[in-house]
Amino acid sequence: MSMPPAPPSTAKHKPADEAPSTKPRGPSVLRRPAVRHAVVGAGLLALILASVAVVNNRPIRVEVAAVEQNVPVRVFGLGTVEARVMSKIGFEVGATLAQLNADHGDRVTKGQVLARLSLGEQEAKVAKARAALEIAEVNIKRAEADLEKAQAVLVQKQEVNRRKQVLVGRSVVSEQTAEEAVRDEAVAKADVRVAESGIASTKAQLTDAQAQLQFEETLLKHRTLVAPYDAIVIERHKELGTVVKAGDPIFTLIAVGSYWGLAYVDEARAGYISEGQRVDARLRSRPLDAFTGQVVRIGLESDRVTEERRVFIKGDNPPPRVFLGEQVEFLITVAKLDKALLVPEAAVHGYNGREGTVWTVEDGRLHQRLVKFRHRTEDARLEIVDGLPDGAHVATRVDVGFREGRSAWIGEGGKP
C-alpha cells in the first residue's frame, strides 16, 4: 500500500545569509508603567521621610522665662457695693400710718422723726393712766393722815389706861372701868397697825399706777418712728393711710459712711489674702476712675456651692454717690516679689496647685522637670520656687516638636 504524500511545511525558513538580532532581552517587568510609578513613589517617600527626620532632629528654638523684679501678685475678685450698717426699721405696734417725714434718698440725723401712727387711742390710755396715778397719790396722803390719827388716839388711850390703873389700885374707879381702859388701848394699837397696812397698800397701788403710766407712755412713743443713727434713706416701703402691723418695715436705712465692697474670691486664690492688704477697685458705672481701699474683714464661712470666699473691703476714696448692689471688680495685692521666675500656667503639665511639670533647656537639650510653685499672678503665671537645676531655662510655650533630649536653642532675649 502506498502512503499519501506529506503536506507542505508551513514553517518559515530564514535565509541562510540573514544576520542574528542584536536587541537586548532584559526583564520585561520593569517596562510596565505601574512598576515604574511605584519605584518613583518609593523614592519620593524615602526622600520625604529623610527630610522629616532631618527637620525633627534639627535644634528647635524655644521661648524661655526670664527673672523679673518687683512683681505684684494680685488676686481678682468680682463683687458688689454694700453697706456695713443697713437697717429695715418699723413700728413695734400696729395702727394707721398718719405721718411720713422722709423719702427715698433723704439724709436724716439720729433722733429725727421719720413717721408717726395715729395717736388718739393711745393718748387716751395715757391720760387714764395718769389719772390712776393721781388717785394713788391722793390715797397715799389719806392713808398717812389715817395713820397719824390712829397714833394720836393710841397715845390718848395709853395715857387714860395708865391713870385708871393707878386709880383702881386706890379703889377710886371700878375694876370694870380699868379693864375697859386696857381694851381701848388695845383697839387703838390695832387701828395703828391697820393704818400702817393701808399706807403699804396705797404705796403698792402707786407703784402699779406709775408702771401702768410708763407702759402706756412707752406704747405712745412706739407710735413715733425716729432715726436710730445718721443715715440715708434707701427705700420707703409704706404710704400714708396704710394700716401696718407690728414689725412691718417702713424705711430701709444705711449708716452714713458705712459703704464697703463685698468681693467673692475663688478659694484656690484666697489663701494669701489677709486684713490690711491694698485693693484696687473699678466700678462698672465709672470704668475710667481709680478707686482704692483695703481689706477689713474676711468671711469665716465660704459658699459651699460656688466655693468662693467673701472678702469685705473699705474704700479710701469712694465716689460721692454710691449705689448699693453695683458690680465692682477688685484686685487685691497679696504680695510683691522682689525677684521671681514666672511661667504661664498653660506651659505647665499636671499642675495641682502646688507642683507640676515644665520643659527646660539644659546644655542645649530639652528636659522635663517637676517643680514647685507658690504664687499665681493675675495673668495666670506661676512663680517657680524649687525644682530647677542650675543653668536651666524654663520654656514659656510648649510646641508640638518638644521631646526629651531634643536639641534646642534660645533666641536673643529668650524669644525666637
Protein backbone atom coordinates (compact mmCIF):
# COMPACT_ATOMS: atom_id res chain seq x y z
CA MET A 1 0.00 0.00 0.00
CA SER A 2 1.40 3.35 -0.90
CA MET A 3 1.42 6.29 1.79
CA PRO A 4 -0.18 9.64 0.95
CA PRO A 5 2.23 12.45 0.26
CA ALA A 6 3.15 14.67 3.29
CA PRO A 7 1.59 18.14 3.49
CA PRO A 8 3.85 21.01 2.65
CA SER A 9 5.61 22.59 5.71
CA THR A 10 4.27 25.96 6.93
CA ALA A 11 7.42 26.96 8.83
CA LYS A 12 9.25 29.92 7.54
CA HIS A 13 12.84 29.29 6.88
CA LYS A 14 15.19 32.20 7.37
CA PRO A 15 17.57 32.81 4.60
CA ALA A 16 20.97 31.46 5.25
CA ASP A 17 22.60 34.81 4.84
CA GLU A 18 20.32 36.66 7.44
CA ALA A 19 22.33 38.04 10.46
CA PRO A 20 21.18 37.37 14.12
CA SER A 21 19.25 40.19 16.06
CA THR A 22 21.34 42.48 18.37
CA LYS A 23 18.31 43.82 20.59
CA PRO A 24 18.84 43.30 24.45
CA ARG A 25 16.46 40.89 26.12
CA GLY A 26 16.23 42.32 29.78
CA PRO A 27 13.36 41.66 32.25
CA SER A 28 10.13 42.83 30.76
CA VAL A 29 8.51 43.70 34.23
CA LEU A 30 10.42 46.98 34.51
CA ARG A 31 8.96 48.10 31.27
CA ARG A 32 5.46 48.23 32.81
CA PRO A 33 4.21 51.80 33.72
CA ALA A 34 2.72 50.78 37.11
CA VAL A 35 6.05 49.38 38.25
CA ARG A 36 7.90 52.46 37.19
CA HIS A 37 5.44 54.71 39.09
CA ALA A 38 5.79 52.59 42.23
CA VAL A 39 9.55 52.87 42.14
CA VAL A 40 9.37 56.65 41.73
CA GLY A 41 6.83 56.93 44.62
CA ALA A 42 9.04 54.86 46.91
CA GLY A 43 11.92 57.15 46.16
CA LEU A 44 9.87 60.23 46.92
CA LEU A 45 8.60 58.70 50.18
CA ALA A 46 12.13 57.89 51.23
CA LEU A 47 13.14 61.46 50.45
CA ILE A 48 10.21 62.85 52.46
CA LEU A 49 10.97 60.60 55.43
CA ALA A 50 14.56 61.63 55.31
CA SER A 51 13.55 65.30 55.22
CA VAL A 52 11.15 64.80 58.15
CA ALA A 53 13.87 63.06 60.11
CA VAL A 54 16.22 65.94 59.43
CA VAL A 55 13.59 68.51 60.44
CA ASN A 56 12.59 66.63 63.60
CA ASN A 57 16.15 66.30 64.72
CA ARG A 58 17.32 69.80 63.99
CA PRO A 59 17.70 72.12 67.01
CA ILE A 60 14.42 73.79 67.94
CA ARG A 61 14.12 77.40 69.03
CA VAL A 62 12.48 77.80 72.47
CA GLU A 63 10.89 80.74 74.29
CA VAL A 64 12.05 80.80 77.92
CA ALA A 65 11.11 82.76 81.03
CA ALA A 66 13.34 85.47 82.44
CA VAL A 67 13.71 86.54 86.06
CA GLU A 68 11.50 89.57 86.79
CA GLN A 69 11.78 92.14 89.57
CA ASN A 70 9.18 93.90 91.74
CA VAL A 71 6.31 91.76 90.53
CA PRO A 72 2.96 92.46 92.27
CA VAL A 73 0.84 89.41 92.99
CA ARG A 74 -2.81 90.37 92.79
CA VAL A 75 -5.95 88.28 93.26
CA PHE A 76 -9.08 89.05 91.28
CA GLY A 77 -12.49 89.16 92.90
CA LEU A 78 -15.87 90.12 91.48
CA GLY A 79 -18.37 91.64 93.87
CA THR A 80 -20.80 94.42 94.66
CA VAL A 81 -21.13 97.65 96.64
CA GLU A 82 -22.74 97.02 100.03
CA ALA A 83 -23.34 98.82 103.33
CA ARG A 84 -21.85 97.59 106.58
CA VAL A 85 -24.75 99.04 108.63
CA MET A 86 -28.15 98.65 107.00
CA SER A 87 -31.48 98.52 108.84
CA LYS A 88 -35.08 97.96 107.93
CA ILE A 89 -36.94 99.91 110.59
CA GLY A 90 -40.63 99.88 111.52
CA PHE A 91 -43.06 100.28 114.42
CA GLU A 92 -43.29 97.93 117.38
CA VAL A 93 -47.07 98.27 117.38
CA GLY A 94 -49.73 98.25 114.69
CA ALA A 95 -52.00 101.13 113.66
CA THR A 96 -52.75 103.50 110.78
CA LEU A 97 -49.79 105.35 109.30
CA ALA A 98 -50.65 109.01 109.85
CA GLN A 99 -47.41 110.91 109.13
CA LEU A 100 -44.32 110.42 106.90
CA ASN A 101 -41.41 112.85 107.10
CA ALA A 102 -38.75 111.16 104.90
CA ASP A 103 -38.46 109.61 101.47
CA HIS A 104 -36.02 107.78 99.21
CA GLY A 105 -32.60 109.46 99.06
CA ASP A 106 -33.09 111.74 102.10
CA ARG A 107 -30.28 112.15 104.59
CA VAL A 108 -31.55 112.02 108.18
CA THR A 109 -29.91 112.59 111.57
CA LYS A 110 -30.05 110.50 114.71
CA GLY A 111 -33.32 111.08 116.63
CA GLN A 112 -35.12 112.75 113.73
CA VAL A 113 -38.83 111.85 113.50
CA LEU A 114 -39.42 109.83 110.34
CA ALA A 115 -43.06 108.72 110.72
CA ARG A 116 -45.98 108.51 113.16
CA LEU A 117 -49.01 106.30 113.65
CA SER A 118 -52.44 107.55 114.71
CA LEU A 119 -52.19 108.68 118.36
CA GLY A 120 -55.76 109.24 119.59
CA GLU A 121 -56.46 105.87 121.20
CA GLN A 122 -53.09 105.61 122.88
CA GLU A 123 -53.15 109.18 124.13
CA ALA A 124 -56.47 108.40 125.86
CA LYS A 125 -54.89 105.40 127.57
CA VAL A 126 -52.02 107.57 128.74
CA ALA A 127 -54.46 110.11 130.19
CA LYS A 128 -56.32 107.34 132.01
CA ALA A 129 -53.07 106.00 133.45
CA ARG A 130 -52.11 109.49 134.67
CA ALA A 131 -55.48 109.87 136.41
CA ALA A 132 -54.96 106.50 138.14
CA LEU A 133 -51.55 107.71 139.29
CA GLU A 134 -53.06 110.87 140.75
CA ILE A 135 -55.68 108.80 142.61
CA ALA A 136 -52.95 106.59 144.04
CA GLU A 137 -51.05 109.65 145.24
CA VAL A 138 -54.19 111.02 146.94
CA ASN A 139 -54.81 107.67 148.60
CA ILE A 140 -51.28 107.73 149.96
CA LYS A 141 -51.91 111.07 151.61
CA ARG A 142 -55.22 109.86 153.07
CA ALA A 143 -53.57 106.74 154.45
CA GLU A 144 -50.83 108.79 156.04
CA ALA A 145 -53.45 111.04 157.68
CA ASP A 146 -55.33 107.97 159.00
CA LEU A 147 -52.08 106.68 160.48
CA GLU A 148 -51.43 109.99 162.25
CA LYS A 149 -54.96 109.93 163.67
CA ALA A 150 -54.62 106.33 164.85
CA GLN A 151 -51.31 107.09 166.50
CA ALA A 152 -52.77 110.10 168.33
CA VAL A 153 -55.71 108.03 169.55
CA LEU A 154 -53.30 105.33 170.73
CA VAL A 155 -51.32 107.85 172.78
CA GLN A 156 -54.51 109.12 174.36
CA LYS A 157 -55.77 105.60 175.19
CA GLN A 158 -52.43 104.67 176.68
CA GLU A 159 -52.50 107.70 179.00
CA VAL A 160 -56.11 107.01 180.07
CA ASN A 161 -55.31 103.39 180.74
CA ARG A 162 -52.30 104.33 182.85
CA ARG A 163 -54.30 106.71 185.04
CA LYS A 164 -57.17 104.28 185.51
CA GLN A 165 -54.83 101.52 186.51
CA VAL A 166 -53.44 103.81 189.20
CA LEU A 167 -56.90 104.79 190.37
CA VAL A 168 -58.19 101.23 190.51
CA GLY A 169 -55.44 100.48 192.96
CA ARG A 170 -56.77 103.24 195.20
CA SER A 171 -60.31 101.97 194.75
CA VAL A 172 -61.28 105.26 193.09
CA VAL A 173 -62.55 103.56 189.90
CA SER A 174 -64.01 100.18 189.44
CA GLU A 175 -62.17 97.26 188.01
CA GLN A 176 -64.56 97.21 185.08
CA THR A 177 -63.56 100.73 184.16
CA ALA A 178 -59.89 99.75 184.34
CA GLU A 179 -60.49 96.75 182.10
CA GLU A 180 -62.29 98.95 179.58
CA ALA A 181 -59.26 101.28 179.53
CA VAL A 182 -56.97 98.32 178.72
CA ARG A 183 -59.34 97.26 175.97
CA ASP A 184 -59.46 100.75 174.46
CA GLU A 185 -55.67 100.90 174.35
CA ALA A 186 -55.50 97.53 172.53
CA VAL A 187 -58.07 98.72 170.00
CA ALA A 188 -56.08 101.87 169.39
CA LYS A 189 -52.94 99.81 168.76
CA ALA A 190 -54.85 97.69 166.23
CA ASP A 191 -56.08 100.82 164.48
CA VAL A 192 -52.46 101.98 164.13
CA ARG A 193 -51.47 98.68 162.52
CA VAL A 194 -54.45 98.92 160.14
CA ALA A 195 -53.42 102.46 159.17
CA GLU A 196 -49.84 101.31 158.57
CA SER A 197 -51.01 98.45 156.31
CA GLY A 198 -53.23 100.92 154.49
CA ILE A 199 -50.18 103.04 153.71
CA ALA A 200 -48.31 99.96 152.38
CA SER A 201 -51.31 99.07 150.23
CA THR A 202 -51.64 102.55 148.76
CA LYS A 203 -47.90 102.67 148.08
CA ALA A 204 -48.23 99.42 146.13
CA GLN A 205 -51.14 100.93 144.19
CA LEU A 206 -48.99 104.00 143.50
CA THR A 207 -46.19 101.81 142.13
CA ASP A 208 -48.67 99.96 139.94
CA ALA A 209 -50.10 103.23 138.64
CA GLN A 210 -46.62 104.54 137.87
CA ALA A 211 -45.75 101.35 135.97
CA GLN A 212 -49.01 101.46 134.03
CA LEU A 213 -48.40 105.07 133.06
CA GLN A 214 -44.87 104.24 131.97
CA PHE A 215 -46.20 101.33 129.90
CA GLU A 216 -48.81 103.44 128.15
CA GLU A 217 -46.32 106.24 127.52
CA THR A 218 -43.90 103.70 126.04
CA LEU A 219 -46.62 102.45 123.71
CA LEU A 220 -47.27 106.05 122.76
CA LYS A 221 -43.58 106.55 121.94
CA HIS A 222 -43.66 103.38 119.84
CA ARG A 223 -46.11 105.16 117.57
CA THR A 224 -43.35 107.61 116.63
CA LEU A 225 -40.53 106.30 114.43
CA VAL A 226 -37.15 108.05 114.79
CA ALA A 227 -33.81 107.55 113.03
CA PRO A 228 -31.51 105.32 115.10
CA TYR A 229 -28.36 106.91 113.61
CA ASP A 230 -27.23 109.37 110.96
CA ALA A 231 -28.41 107.65 107.81
CA ILE A 232 -29.51 107.78 104.19
CA VAL A 233 -32.98 106.54 103.29
CA ILE A 234 -32.58 103.81 100.69
CA GLU A 235 -36.26 102.92 100.37
CA ARG A 236 -39.69 103.83 101.76
CA HIS A 237 -41.93 100.78 101.90
CA LYS A 238 -45.33 102.23 103.04
CA GLU A 239 -47.54 105.19 102.25
CA LEU A 240 -49.90 107.37 104.31
CA GLY A 241 -53.12 105.72 105.43
CA THR A 242 -51.71 102.21 105.37
CA VAL A 243 -52.63 100.03 108.32
CA VAL A 244 -49.35 98.47 109.34
CA LYS A 245 -48.67 95.54 111.62
CA ALA A 246 -46.02 95.42 114.30
CA GLY A 247 -42.64 94.84 112.69
CA ASP A 248 -43.61 95.86 109.13
CA PRO A 249 -40.63 97.72 107.55
CA ILE A 250 -41.37 101.37 106.82
CA PHE A 251 -37.88 102.53 105.75
CA THR A 252 -34.57 100.94 104.77
CA LEU A 253 -31.64 102.95 106.11
CA ILE A 254 -27.88 102.73 105.76
CA ALA A 255 -25.44 104.46 108.08
CA VAL A 256 -23.62 107.41 106.55
CA GLY A 257 -20.07 106.44 105.59
CA SER A 258 -20.59 102.70 106.09
CA TYR A 259 -20.11 101.76 102.43
CA TRP A 260 -17.85 98.86 101.65
CA GLY A 261 -17.27 96.36 98.89
CA LEU A 262 -18.08 92.67 99.06
CA ALA A 263 -15.75 90.63 96.84
CA TYR A 264 -16.21 86.95 96.03
CA VAL A 265 -12.82 85.26 95.56
CA ASP A 266 -12.16 81.72 94.39
CA GLU A 267 -10.95 79.60 97.32
CA ALA A 268 -7.99 78.43 95.24
CA ARG A 269 -6.77 82.05 95.05
CA ALA A 270 -7.78 83.30 98.51
CA GLY A 271 -5.11 81.62 100.63
CA TYR A 272 -2.80 84.64 100.85
CA ILE A 273 -5.47 87.29 101.48
CA SER A 274 -5.30 88.99 104.89
CA GLU A 275 -6.69 92.10 106.57
CA GLY A 276 -5.00 95.39 105.72
CA GLN A 277 -3.92 94.49 102.18
CA ARG A 278 -4.27 97.09 99.44
CA VAL A 279 -7.15 96.79 96.97
CA ASP A 280 -7.71 98.45 93.59
CA ALA A 281 -11.35 98.65 92.51
CA ARG A 282 -13.18 99.52 89.31
CA LEU A 283 -16.86 100.41 89.39
CA ARG A 284 -18.90 99.23 86.46
CA SER A 285 -20.56 102.64 86.09
CA ARG A 286 -17.23 104.53 86.28
CA PRO A 287 -14.63 102.39 84.47
CA LEU A 288 -12.22 105.30 83.93
CA ASP A 289 -11.95 106.21 87.63
CA ALA A 290 -9.50 104.55 90.01
CA PHE A 291 -10.69 103.65 93.50
CA THR A 292 -8.57 102.15 96.25
CA GLY A 293 -9.18 100.57 99.62
CA GLN A 294 -8.05 97.84 101.95
CA VAL A 295 -9.29 94.51 103.22
CA VAL A 296 -11.11 94.95 106.54
CA ARG A 297 -12.83 91.60 107.00
CA ILE A 298 -12.64 88.06 105.61
CA GLY A 299 -15.70 85.86 105.91
CA LEU A 300 -15.13 82.82 108.12
CA GLU A 301 -17.55 80.72 106.08
CA SER A 302 -17.15 80.05 102.36
CA ASP A 303 -20.01 79.44 99.97
CA ARG A 304 -20.45 75.67 99.76
CA VAL A 305 -21.93 75.84 96.26
CA THR A 306 -19.72 78.35 94.44
CA GLU A 307 -16.62 77.56 96.55
CA GLU A 308 -15.90 81.26 96.97
CA ARG A 309 -14.71 83.26 99.96
CA ARG A 310 -16.27 86.58 100.94
CA VAL A 311 -13.83 89.48 101.38
CA PHE A 312 -15.04 92.86 102.69
CA ILE A 313 -13.21 95.98 101.51
CA LYS A 314 -13.31 99.52 102.93
CA GLY A 315 -12.80 102.21 100.31
CA ASP A 316 -10.32 105.06 100.74
CA ASN A 317 -11.90 107.35 98.14
CA PRO A 318 -15.49 106.25 97.46
CA PRO A 319 -17.49 108.22 94.89
CA PRO A 320 -19.78 110.98 96.17
CA ARG A 321 -22.83 108.90 95.38
CA VAL A 322 -22.86 105.16 95.91
CA PHE A 323 -25.37 102.67 94.52
CA LEU A 324 -25.84 99.51 96.53
CA GLY A 325 -25.53 96.29 94.58
CA GLU A 326 -23.45 97.81 91.76
CA GLN A 327 -20.92 95.38 90.29
CA VAL A 328 -17.27 96.03 91.12
CA GLU A 329 -14.03 94.39 90.01
CA PHE A 330 -11.45 94.07 92.81
CA LEU A 331 -7.71 93.39 92.56
CA ILE A 332 -6.22 92.53 95.95
CA THR A 333 -2.43 92.84 96.22
CA VAL A 334 -1.41 89.84 98.35
CA ALA A 335 2.38 90.04 97.82
CA LYS A 336 5.18 91.83 95.99
CA LEU A 337 8.02 89.67 94.67
CA ASP A 338 11.46 91.29 94.61
CA LYS A 339 12.68 88.65 92.15
CA ALA A 340 10.59 85.95 90.55
CA LEU A 341 10.76 83.36 87.79
CA LEU A 342 7.27 83.14 86.32
CA VAL A 343 5.94 80.61 83.82
CA PRO A 344 2.48 80.62 82.20
CA GLU A 345 0.13 78.06 83.66
CA ALA A 346 -0.57 76.84 80.12
CA ALA A 347 3.05 75.69 79.88
CA VAL A 348 2.75 73.50 82.99
CA HIS A 349 1.60 69.89 82.80
CA GLY A 350 -0.22 68.28 85.73
CA TYR A 351 -0.46 71.43 87.85
CA ASN A 352 -2.23 70.61 91.15
CA GLY A 353 -1.95 73.94 92.90
CA ARG A 354 1.45 73.16 94.37
CA GLU A 355 3.63 71.49 91.73
CA GLY A 356 3.73 70.47 88.07
CA THR A 357 5.98 69.52 85.17
CA VAL A 358 7.70 72.09 82.94
CA TRP A 359 10.01 71.87 79.92
CA THR A 360 13.54 73.19 80.38
CA VAL A 361 16.54 73.85 78.17
CA GLU A 362 19.69 72.46 79.76
CA ASP A 363 23.03 72.38 77.92
CA GLY A 364 21.26 72.70 74.59
CA ARG A 365 18.79 69.87 75.23
CA LEU A 366 15.10 69.70 76.18
CA HIS A 367 14.18 68.09 79.51
CA GLN A 368 11.10 67.78 81.71
CA ARG A 369 11.35 68.82 85.36
CA LEU A 370 8.92 68.52 88.27
CA VAL A 371 8.99 71.92 90.01
CA LYS A 372 7.18 73.56 92.92
CA PHE A 373 5.17 76.76 92.74
CA ARG A 374 3.97 79.36 95.24
CA HIS A 375 2.18 82.47 93.97
CA ARG A 376 -0.04 82.84 90.91
CA THR A 377 -0.31 86.24 89.22
CA GLU A 378 -3.48 87.75 87.82
CA ASP A 379 -2.35 86.92 84.26
CA ALA A 380 -2.16 83.18 85.11
CA ARG A 381 1.61 82.90 85.60
CA LEU A 382 3.11 80.71 88.32
CA GLU A 383 6.11 81.52 90.49
CA ILE A 384 8.69 78.69 90.48
CA VAL A 385 10.34 78.28 93.88
CA ASP A 386 12.07 74.89 93.72
CA GLY A 387 12.99 72.00 91.43
CA LEU A 388 15.18 73.64 88.78
CA PRO A 389 18.86 72.68 88.38
CA ASP A 390 21.45 75.41 87.95
CA GLY A 391 21.58 76.83 84.46
CA ALA A 392 18.15 75.53 83.45
CA HIS A 393 15.87 77.76 81.39
CA VAL A 394 12.10 77.21 81.59
CA ALA A 395 10.05 77.16 78.39
CA THR A 396 7.09 79.52 78.36
CA ARG A 397 5.37 77.78 75.46
CA VAL A 398 5.16 74.08 74.61
CA ASP A 399 5.42 73.25 70.90
CA VAL A 400 4.46 70.03 69.10
CA GLY A 401 8.08 69.10 68.46
CA PHE A 402 9.07 69.02 72.14
CA ARG A 403 10.54 65.72 73.27
CA GLU A 404 13.05 64.64 75.86
CA GLY A 405 16.64 65.14 74.77
CA ARG A 406 15.98 67.06 71.58
CA SER A 407 18.46 69.78 70.67
CA ALA A 408 17.21 73.27 71.47
CA TRP A 409 18.49 76.79 71.45
CA ILE A 410 17.29 80.08 72.91
CA GLY A 411 16.92 83.19 70.84
CA GLU A 412 18.11 86.61 71.96
CA GLY A 413 16.09 87.84 74.92
CA GLY A 414 14.65 84.36 75.41
CA LYS A 415 12.32 84.66 72.40
CA PRO A 416 12.76 83.28 68.88
